[in-house]
Amino acid sequence: MITSYAAAFAAYWARNSRQAAPPGVPHLRTYQTRAAQAAIAWTAHRTGW
């Protein structure tokens, strides 16, 4: 269950990181990219990919 949660958030953050930056929050997409990378790495570690 934890692995599926990490995979779902990785997809969520990866999708949102590709959107245009909202006004007044210029670093949000960078944060989301790094969060997606971390969740992908953790998912890969847990599944042995």
PDB file of N, CA and C in Angstrom:
ATOM      1  N   MET A   1       0.815  -1.187   0.000  1.00  0.00           N
ATOM      2  CA  MET A   1       0.000   0.000   0.000  1.00  0.00           C
ATOM      3  C   MET A   1       0.866   1.261   0.000  1.00  0.00           C
ATOM      4  N   ILE A   2       1.933   1.268   0.761  1.00  0.00           N
ATOM      5  CA  ILE A   2       2.815   2.437   0.791  1.00  0.00           C
ATOM      6  C   ILE A   2       3.451   2.659  -0.577  1.00  0.00           C
ATOM      7  N   THR A   3       3.816   1.589  -1.237  1.00  0.00           N
ATOM      8  CA  THR A   3       4.438   1.717  -2.555  1.00  0.00           C
ATOM      9  C   THR A   3       3.454   2.308  -3.563  1.00  0.00           C
ATOM     10  N   SER A   4       2.229   1.878  -3.517  1.00  0.00           N
ATOM     11  CA  SER A   4       1.236   2.435  -4.454  1.00  0.00           C
ATOM     12  C   SER A   4       0.966   3.909  -4.156  1.00  0.00           C
ATOM     13  N   TYR A   5       1.024   4.281  -2.893  1.00  0.00           N
ATOM     14  CA  TYR A   5       0.870   5.685  -2.499  1.00  0.00           C
ATOM     15  C   TYR A   5       2.015   6.513  -3.076  1.00  0.00           C
ATOM     16  N   ALA A   6       3.242   6.014  -2.955  1.00  0.00           N
ATOM     17  CA  ALA A   6       4.405   6.728  -3.506  1.00  0.00           C
ATOM     18  C   ALA A   6       4.308   6.831  -5.022  1.00  0.00           C
ATOM     19  N   ALA A   7       3.876   5.767  -5.683  1.00  0.00           N
ATOM     20  CA  ALA A   7       3.751   5.792  -7.143  1.00  0.00           C
ATOM     21  C   ALA A   7       2.678   6.786  -7.579  1.00  0.00           C
ATOM     22  N   ALA A   8       1.579   6.829  -6.849  1.00  0.00           N
ATOM     23  CA  ALA A   8       0.507   7.766  -7.196  1.00  0.00           C
ATOM     24  C   ALA A   8       0.972   9.210  -7.029  1.00  0.00           C
ATOM     25  N   PHE A   9       1.672   9.503  -5.935  1.00  0.00           N
ATOM     26  CA  PHE A   9       2.168  10.860  -5.748  1.00  0.00           C
ATOM     27  C   PHE A   9       3.249  11.211  -6.758  1.00  0.00           C
ATOM     28  N   ALA A  10       4.057  10.247  -7.158  1.00  0.00           N
ATOM     29  CA  ALA A  10       5.065  10.510  -8.187  1.00  0.00           C
ATOM     30  C   ALA A  10       4.389  10.944  -9.481  1.00  0.00           C
ATOM     31  N   ALA A  11       3.336  10.258  -9.848  1.00  0.00           N
ATOM     32  CA  ALA A  11       2.606  10.621 -11.061  1.00  0.00           C
ATOM     33  C   ALA A  11       1.948  11.991 -10.918  1.00  0.00           C
ATOM     34  N   TYR A  12       1.365  12.249  -9.767  1.00  0.00           N
ATOM     35  CA  TYR A  12       0.715  13.540  -9.509  1.00  0.00           C
ATOM     36  C   TYR A  12       1.716  14.682  -9.613  1.00  0.00           C
ATOM     37  N   TRP A  13       2.856  14.539  -8.922  1.00  0.00           N
ATOM     38  CA  TRP A  13       3.861  15.599  -8.936  1.00  0.00           C
ATOM     39  C   TRP A  13       4.495  15.753 -10.311  1.00  0.00           C
ATOM     40  N   ALA A  14       4.736  14.642 -11.002  1.00  0.00           N
ATOM     41  CA  ALA A  14       5.342  14.724 -12.338  1.00  0.00           C
ATOM     42  C   ALA A  14       4.403  15.449 -13.302  1.00  0.00           C
ATOM     43  N   ARG A  15       3.125  15.120 -13.240  1.00  0.00           N
ATOM     44  CA  ARG A  15       2.161  15.781 -14.128  1.00  0.00           C
ATOM     45  C   ARG A  15       2.074  17.276 -13.823  1.00  0.00           C
ATOM     46  N   ASN A  16       1.945  17.616 -12.562  1.00  0.00           N
ATOM     47  CA  ASN A  16       1.813  19.024 -12.198  1.00  0.00           C
ATOM     48  C   ASN A  16       3.087  19.819 -12.451  1.00  0.00           C
ATOM     49  N   SER A  17       4.237  19.183 -12.367  1.00  0.00           N
ATOM     50  CA  SER A  17       5.501  19.900 -12.580  1.00  0.00           C
ATOM     51  C   SER A  17       5.650  20.378 -14.022  1.00  0.00           C
ATOM     52  N   ARG A  18       4.889  19.797 -14.929  1.00  0.00           N
ATOM     53  CA  ARG A  18       4.962  20.188 -16.341  1.00  0.00           C
ATOM     54  C   ARG A  18       3.999  21.311 -16.710  1.00  0.00           C
ATOM     55  N   GLN A  19       3.227  21.779 -15.731  1.00  0.00           N
ATOM     56  CA  GLN A  19       2.304  22.886 -15.967  1.00  0.00           C
ATOM     57  C   GLN A  19       3.051  24.220 -15.888  1.00  0.00           C
ATOM     58  N   ALA A  20       2.420  25.261 -16.377  1.00  0.00           N
ATOM     59  CA  ALA A  20       3.013  26.602 -16.265  1.00  0.00           C
ATOM     60  C   ALA A  20       3.038  27.023 -14.798  1.00  0.00           C
ATOM     61  N   ALA A  21       4.062  27.784 -14.445  1.00  0.00           N
ATOM     62  CA  ALA A  21       4.184  28.247 -13.058  1.00  0.00           C
ATOM     63  C   ALA A  21       3.052  29.221 -12.731  1.00  0.00           C
ATOM     64  N   PRO A  22       2.429  29.056 -11.569  1.00  0.00           N
ATOM     65  CA  PRO A  22       1.365  29.990 -11.196  1.00  0.00           C
ATOM     66  C   PRO A  22       1.966  31.337 -10.797  1.00  0.00           C
ATOM     67  N   PRO A  23       1.234  32.400 -10.973  1.00  0.00           N
ATOM     68  CA  PRO A  23       1.736  33.718 -10.602  1.00  0.00           C
ATOM     69  C   PRO A  23       2.094  33.775  -9.108  1.00  0.00           C
ATOM     70  N   GLY A  24       3.258  34.328  -8.819  1.00  0.00           N
ATOM     71  CA  GLY A  24       3.675  34.511  -7.440  1.00  0.00           C
ATOM     72  C   GLY A  24       4.319  33.305  -6.781  1.00  0.00           C
ATOM     73  N   VAL A  25       4.412  32.178  -7.490  1.00  0.00           N
ATOM     74  CA  VAL A  25       5.030  30.976  -6.922  1.00  0.00           C
ATOM     75  C   VAL A  25       6.019  30.413  -7.958  1.00  0.00           C
ATOM     76  N   PRO A  26       7.120  31.121  -8.195  1.00  0.00           N
ATOM     77  CA  PRO A  26       8.007  30.747  -9.287  1.00  0.00           C
ATOM     78  C   PRO A  26       8.765  29.429  -9.090  1.00  0.00           C
ATOM     79  N   HIS A  27       8.928  28.969  -7.863  1.00  0.00           N
ATOM     80  CA  HIS A  27       9.728  27.766  -7.628  1.00  0.00           C
ATOM     81  C   HIS A  27       8.894  26.520  -7.357  1.00  0.00           C
ATOM     82  N   LEU A  28       7.592  26.639  -7.474  1.00  0.00           N
ATOM     83  CA  LEU A  28       6.714  25.503  -7.193  1.00  0.00           C
ATOM     84  C   LEU A  28       7.001  24.327  -8.123  1.00  0.00           C
ATOM     85  N   ARG A  29       7.159  24.592  -9.400  1.00  0.00           N
ATOM     86  CA  ARG A  29       7.350  23.495 -10.357  1.00  0.00           C
ATOM     87  C   ARG A  29       8.696  22.798 -10.136  1.00  0.00           C
ATOM     88  N   THR A  30       9.708  23.523  -9.720  1.00  0.00           N
ATOM     89  CA  THR A  30      10.997  22.897  -9.394  1.00  0.00           C
ATOM     90  C   THR A  30      10.828  21.956  -8.209  1.00  0.00           C
ATOM     91  N   TYR A  31      10.115  22.414  -7.192  1.00  0.00           N
ATOM     92  CA  TYR A  31       9.848  21.576  -6.020  1.00  0.00           C
ATOM     93  C   TYR A  31       9.094  20.311  -6.443  1.00  0.00           C
ATOM     94  N   GLN A  32       8.085  20.465  -7.278  1.00  0.00           N
ATOM     95  CA  GLN A  32       7.294  19.314  -7.692  1.00  0.00           C
ATOM     96  C   GLN A  32       8.120  18.332  -8.516  1.00  0.00           C
ATOM     97  N   THR A  33       9.035  18.844  -9.323  1.00  0.00           N
ATOM     98  CA  THR A  33       9.921  17.967 -10.096  1.00  0.00           C
ATOM     99  C   THR A  33      10.793  17.145  -9.158  1.00  0.00           C
ATOM    100  N   ARG A  34      11.388  17.800  -8.161  1.00  0.00           N
ATOM    101  CA  ARG A  34      12.250  17.086  -7.212  1.00  0.00           C
ATOM    102  C   ARG A  34      11.446  16.091  -6.378  1.00  0.00           C
ATOM    103  N   ALA A  35      10.238  16.454  -5.997  1.00  0.00           N
ATOM    104  CA  ALA A  35       9.390  15.536  -5.233  1.00  0.00           C
ATOM    105  C   ALA A  35       9.032  14.318  -6.074  1.00  0.00           C
ATOM    106  N   ALA A  36       8.734  14.525  -7.341  1.00  0.00           N
ATOM    107  CA  ALA A  36       8.414  13.404  -8.231  1.00  0.00           C
ATOM    108  C   ALA A  36       9.626  12.493  -8.395  1.00  0.00           C
ATOM    109  N   GLN A  37      10.802  13.067  -8.560  1.00  0.00           N
ATOM    110  CA  GLN A  37      12.020  12.257  -8.699  1.00  0.00           C
ATOM    111  C   GLN A  37      12.268  11.420  -7.454  1.00  0.00           C
ATOM    112  N   ALA A  38      12.065  12.012  -6.287  1.00  0.00           N
ATOM    113  CA  ALA A  38      12.255  11.278  -5.037  1.00  0.00           C
ATOM    114  C   ALA A  38      11.235  10.142  -4.912  1.00  0.00           C
ATOM    115  N   ALA A  39       9.986  10.409  -5.240  1.00  0.00           N
ATOM    116  CA  ALA A  39       8.958   9.375  -5.149  1.00  0.00           C
ATOM    117  C   ALA A  39       9.203   8.258  -6.158  1.00  0.00           C
ATOM    118  N   ILE A  40       9.680   8.611  -7.336  1.00  0.00           N
ATOM    119  CA  ILE A  40      10.006   7.595  -8.341  1.00  0.00           C
ATOM    120  C   ILE A  40      11.163   6.727  -7.860  1.00  0.00           C
ATOM    121  N   ALA A  41      12.191   7.366  -7.299  1.00  0.00           N
ATOM    122  CA  ALA A  41      13.345   6.612  -6.792  1.00  0.00           C
ATOM    123  C   ALA A  41      12.929   5.679  -5.654  1.00  0.00           C
ATOM    124  N   TRP A  42      12.064   6.161  -4.767  1.00  0.00           N
ATOM    125  CA  TRP A  42      11.618   5.341  -3.650  1.00  0.00           C
ATOM    126  C   TRP A  42      10.764   4.178  -4.136  1.00  0.00           C
ATOM    127  N   THR A  43       9.907   4.441  -5.099  1.00  0.00           N
ATOM    128  CA  THR A  43       9.093   3.374  -5.676  1.00  0.00           C
ATOM    129  C   THR A  43       9.963   2.325  -6.341  1.00  0.00           C
ATOM    130  N   ALA A  44      10.963   2.786  -7.085  1.00  0.00           N
ATOM    131  CA  ALA A  44      11.892   1.846  -7.741  1.00  0.00           C
ATOM    132  C   ALA A  44      12.644   1.011  -6.714  1.00  0.00           C
ATOM    133  N   HIS A  45      13.068   1.639  -5.637  1.00  0.00           N
ATOM    134  CA  HIS A  45      13.780   0.916  -4.583  1.00  0.00           C
ATOM    135  C   HIS A  45      12.895  -0.147  -3.954  1.00  0.00           C
ATOM    136  N   ARG A  46      11.653   0.223  -3.649  1.00  0.00           N
ATOM    137  CA  ARG A  46      10.742  -0.708  -2.981  1.00  0.00           C
ATOM    138  C   ARG A  46      10.324  -1.862  -3.888  1.00  0.00           C
ATOM    139  N   THR A  47      10.262  -1.620  -5.192  1.00  0.00           N
ATOM    140  CA  THR A  47       9.806  -2.672  -6.113  1.00  0.00           C
ATOM    141  C   THR A  47      10.960  -3.432  -6.747  1.00  0.00           C
ATOM    142  N   GLY A  48      12.179  -2.907  -6.602  1.00  0.00           N
ATOM    143  CA  GLY A  48      13.333  -3.568  -7.205  1.00  0.00           C
ATOM    144  C   GLY A  48      13.468  -3.319  -8.697  1.00  0.00           C
ATOM    145  N   TRP A  49      12.855  -2.244  -9.190  1.00  0.00           N
ATOM    146  CA  TRP A  49      12.942  -1.923 -10.627  1.00  0.00           C
ATOM    147  C   TRP A  49      14.305  -1.442 -10.966  1.00  0.00           C
TER     148      TRP A  49
END
